[in-house]
Amino acid sequence: MPFVSNLPKNTPYPFVTAEPDPITVVRYLRASDYLAFGAIAAGFPSAFFLLGRAALLQVPMYATLGFAAIYINSLMRFWGWKENAIEAKQFAHDSANGTLRPAWWNWQ
């Protein structure tokens, strides 16, 4: 059973793949995703520090939140809900060359 079994057929952008593995999702991150991750991971704890409400737990918590945000953003591009011309072209190239491997490829 696929992870996302009921994807709609009318996405606004080309559909790339339904179940990209986490390594593929991270490989296809854009520079804007890294910038958003840095802004979330450093911005929120810095703001709390400036307000005098800093806590040590905030740094890993917001780093995890930032990673989740950019991961979901990248998934939306794979599923065709956001502009994905770069990902579609790179995925087609990787699939044709055989450089795209399934997630279980390196598992022992």
C-alpha atoms as a PDB file:
ATOM      1  CA  MET A   1       0.000   0.000   0.000  1.00  0.00           C
ATOM      2  CA  PRO A   2       1.523   3.331  -0.964  1.00  0.00           C
ATOM      3  CA  PHE A   3       2.154   5.937   1.695  1.00  0.00           C
ATOM      4  CA  VAL A   4       0.012   8.485  -0.135  1.00  0.00           C
ATOM      5  CA  SER A   5      -2.660   6.474  -1.870  1.00  0.00           C
ATOM      6  CA  ASN A   6      -5.167   9.156  -2.782  1.00  0.00           C
ATOM      7  CA  LEU A   7      -3.194  11.867  -4.544  1.00  0.00           C
ATOM      8  CA  PRO A   8      -5.474  13.967  -6.748  1.00  0.00           C
ATOM      9  CA  LYS A   9      -5.092  13.831 -10.503  1.00  0.00           C
ATOM     10  CA  ASN A  10      -5.395  17.598 -10.980  1.00  0.00           C
ATOM     11  CA  THR A  11      -2.286  19.088  -9.401  1.00  0.00           C
ATOM     12  CA  PRO A  12      -1.293  22.527 -10.718  1.00  0.00           C
ATOM     13  CA  TYR A  13       2.258  21.411 -11.626  1.00  0.00           C
ATOM     14  CA  PRO A  14       3.669  18.179 -13.077  1.00  0.00           C
ATOM     15  CA  PHE A  15       3.592  15.213 -10.717  1.00  0.00           C
ATOM     16  CA  VAL A  16       7.107  13.811 -10.105  1.00  0.00           C
ATOM     17  CA  THR A  17       6.767  10.848  -7.729  1.00  0.00           C
ATOM     18  CA  ALA A  18       4.393   9.708  -4.991  1.00  0.00           C
ATOM     19  CA  GLU A  19       6.846   8.210  -2.531  1.00  0.00           C
ATOM     20  CA  PRO A  20      10.283   9.843  -2.615  1.00  0.00           C
ATOM     21  CA  ASP A  21      12.634   8.443  -0.012  1.00  0.00           C
ATOM     22  CA  PRO A  22      14.096  10.884   2.553  1.00  0.00           C
ATOM     23  CA  ILE A  23      17.550  10.840   0.950  1.00  0.00           C
ATOM     24  CA  THR A  24      16.071  11.912  -2.387  1.00  0.00           C
ATOM     25  CA  VAL A  25      14.017  14.651  -0.746  1.00  0.00           C
ATOM     26  CA  VAL A  26      17.106  16.072   0.974  1.00  0.00           C
ATOM     27  CA  ARG A  27      19.173  15.805  -2.230  1.00  0.00           C
ATOM     28  CA  TYR A  28      16.622  17.904  -4.106  1.00  0.00           C
ATOM     29  CA  LEU A  29      16.475  20.780  -1.603  1.00  0.00           C
ATOM     30  CA  ARG A  30      16.881  24.265  -3.046  1.00  0.00           C
ATOM     31  CA  ALA A  31      18.943  27.157  -1.714  1.00  0.00           C
ATOM     32  CA  SER A  32      15.729  28.838  -0.546  1.00  0.00           C
ATOM     33  CA  ASP A  33      14.968  25.749   1.549  1.00  0.00           C
ATOM     34  CA  TYR A  34      18.332  25.965   3.290  1.00  0.00           C
ATOM     35  CA  LEU A  35      17.736  29.672   3.887  1.00  0.00           C
ATOM     36  CA  ALA A  36      14.315  28.953   5.408  1.00  0.00           C
ATOM     37  CA  PHE A  37      15.831  26.226   7.597  1.00  0.00           C
ATOM     38  CA  GLY A  38      18.490  28.621   8.872  1.00  0.00           C
ATOM     39  CA  ALA A  39      15.946  31.362   9.487  1.00  0.00           C
ATOM     40  CA  ILE A  40      13.705  29.078  11.538  1.00  0.00           C
ATOM     41  CA  ALA A  41      16.523  27.272  13.357  1.00  0.00           C
ATOM     42  CA  ALA A  42      18.373  30.464  14.327  1.00  0.00           C
ATOM     43  CA  GLY A  43      15.680  33.126  14.162  1.00  0.00           C
ATOM     44  CA  PHE A  44      13.219  31.865  16.722  1.00  0.00           C
ATOM     45  CA  PRO A  45      15.768  31.077  19.474  1.00  0.00           C
ATOM     46  CA  SER A  46      17.447  34.444  18.792  1.00  0.00           C
ATOM     47  CA  ALA A  47      14.138  36.244  19.137  1.00  0.00           C
ATOM     48  CA  PHE A  48      13.424  34.492  22.420  1.00  0.00           C
ATOM     49  CA  PHE A  49      16.939  35.349  23.616  1.00  0.00           C
ATOM     50  CA  LEU A  50      16.388  39.023  22.803  1.00  0.00           C
ATOM     51  CA  LEU A  51      13.086  38.950  24.676  1.00  0.00           C
ATOM     52  CA  GLY A  52      14.797  37.397  27.697  1.00  0.00           C
ATOM     53  CA  ARG A  53      12.961  34.087  27.449  1.00  0.00           C
ATOM     54  CA  ALA A  54      15.740  31.829  26.152  1.00  0.00           C
ATOM     55  CA  ALA A  55      15.842  28.117  26.958  1.00  0.00           C
ATOM     56  CA  LEU A  56      18.368  25.489  25.913  1.00  0.00           C
ATOM     57  CA  LEU A  57      15.675  23.235  24.485  1.00  0.00           C
ATOM     58  CA  GLN A  58      14.629  25.834  21.911  1.00  0.00           C
ATOM     59  CA  VAL A  59      17.646  25.381  19.631  1.00  0.00           C
ATOM     60  CA  PRO A  60      17.148  21.664  18.828  1.00  0.00           C
ATOM     61  CA  MET A  61      13.380  22.073  18.875  1.00  0.00           C
ATOM     62  CA  TYR A  62      13.374  24.843  16.262  1.00  0.00           C
ATOM     63  CA  ALA A  63      16.093  23.084  14.241  1.00  0.00           C
ATOM     64  CA  THR A  64      13.784  20.059  14.041  1.00  0.00           C
ATOM     65  CA  LEU A  65      10.837  22.296  13.182  1.00  0.00           C
ATOM     66  CA  GLY A  66      12.878  24.005  10.453  1.00  0.00           C
ATOM     67  CA  PHE A  67      13.887  20.669   8.942  1.00  0.00           C
ATOM     68  CA  ALA A  68      10.273  19.465   9.003  1.00  0.00           C
ATOM     69  CA  ALA A  69       9.150  22.667   7.269  1.00  0.00           C
ATOM     70  CA  ILE A  70      11.658  22.382   4.423  1.00  0.00           C
ATOM     71  CA  TYR A  71      11.018  18.632   4.094  1.00  0.00           C
ATOM     72  CA  ILE A  72       7.293  19.247   3.636  1.00  0.00           C
ATOM     73  CA  ASN A  73       8.036  22.079   1.204  1.00  0.00           C
ATOM     74  CA  SER A  74      10.181  19.729  -0.889  1.00  0.00           C
ATOM     75  CA  LEU A  75       7.507  17.002  -0.756  1.00  0.00           C
ATOM     76  CA  MET A  76       4.922  19.471  -2.049  1.00  0.00           C
ATOM     77  CA  ARG A  77       7.162  20.074  -5.063  1.00  0.00           C
ATOM     78  CA  PHE A  78       7.489  16.312  -5.684  1.00  0.00           C
ATOM     79  CA  TRP A  79       3.714  15.887  -5.505  1.00  0.00           C
ATOM     80  CA  GLY A  80       3.042  18.797  -7.868  1.00  0.00           C
ATOM     81  CA  TRP A  81       1.494  21.272  -5.438  1.00  0.00           C
ATOM     82  CA  LYS A  82       4.314  23.823  -5.805  1.00  0.00           C
ATOM     83  CA  GLU A  83       6.444  24.961  -8.730  1.00  0.00           C
ATOM     84  CA  ASN A  84       8.742  22.038  -9.528  1.00  0.00           C
ATOM     85  CA  ALA A  85      10.384  22.521 -12.923  1.00  0.00           C
ATOM     86  CA  ILE A  86      13.876  22.029 -11.456  1.00  0.00           C
ATOM     87  CA  GLU A  87      12.921  18.875  -9.556  1.00  0.00           C
ATOM     88  CA  ALA A  88      11.024  17.337 -12.487  1.00  0.00           C
ATOM     89  CA  LYS A  89      13.966  17.884 -14.837  1.00  0.00           C
ATOM     90  CA  GLN A  90      16.533  16.542 -12.360  1.00  0.00           C
ATOM     91  CA  PHE A  91      14.348  13.543 -11.427  1.00  0.00           C
ATOM     92  CA  ALA A  92      13.875  12.633 -15.093  1.00  0.00           C
ATOM     93  CA  HIS A  93      17.637  12.917 -15.647  1.00  0.00           C
ATOM     94  CA  ASP A  94      18.455  10.811 -12.573  1.00  0.00           C
ATOM     95  CA  SER A  95      15.864   8.176 -13.491  1.00  0.00           C
ATOM     96  CA  ALA A  96      17.158   7.912 -17.064  1.00  0.00           C
ATOM     97  CA  ASN A  97      20.786   7.581 -15.964  1.00  0.00           C
ATOM     98  CA  GLY A  98      20.038   5.088 -13.218  1.00  0.00           C
ATOM     99  CA  THR A  99      21.549   7.281 -10.504  1.00  0.00           C
ATOM    100  CA  LEU A 100      18.277   7.302  -8.589  1.00  0.00           C
ATOM    101  CA  ARG A 101      18.138   4.279  -6.300  1.00  0.00           C
ATOM    102  CA  PRO A 102      15.364   3.070  -4.017  1.00  0.00           C
ATOM    103  CA  ALA A 103      15.591   3.877  -0.317  1.00  0.00           C
ATOM    104  CA  TRP A 104      16.244   0.257   0.627  1.00  0.00           C
ATOM    105  CA  TRP A 105      19.262  -0.020  -1.729  1.00  0.00           C
ATOM    106  CA  ASN A 106      21.969   0.456   0.944  1.00  0.00           C
ATOM    107  CA  TRP A 107      20.166  -1.271   3.809  1.00  0.00           C
ATOM    108  CA  GLN A 108      21.750  -4.474   5.050  1.00  0.00           C
END
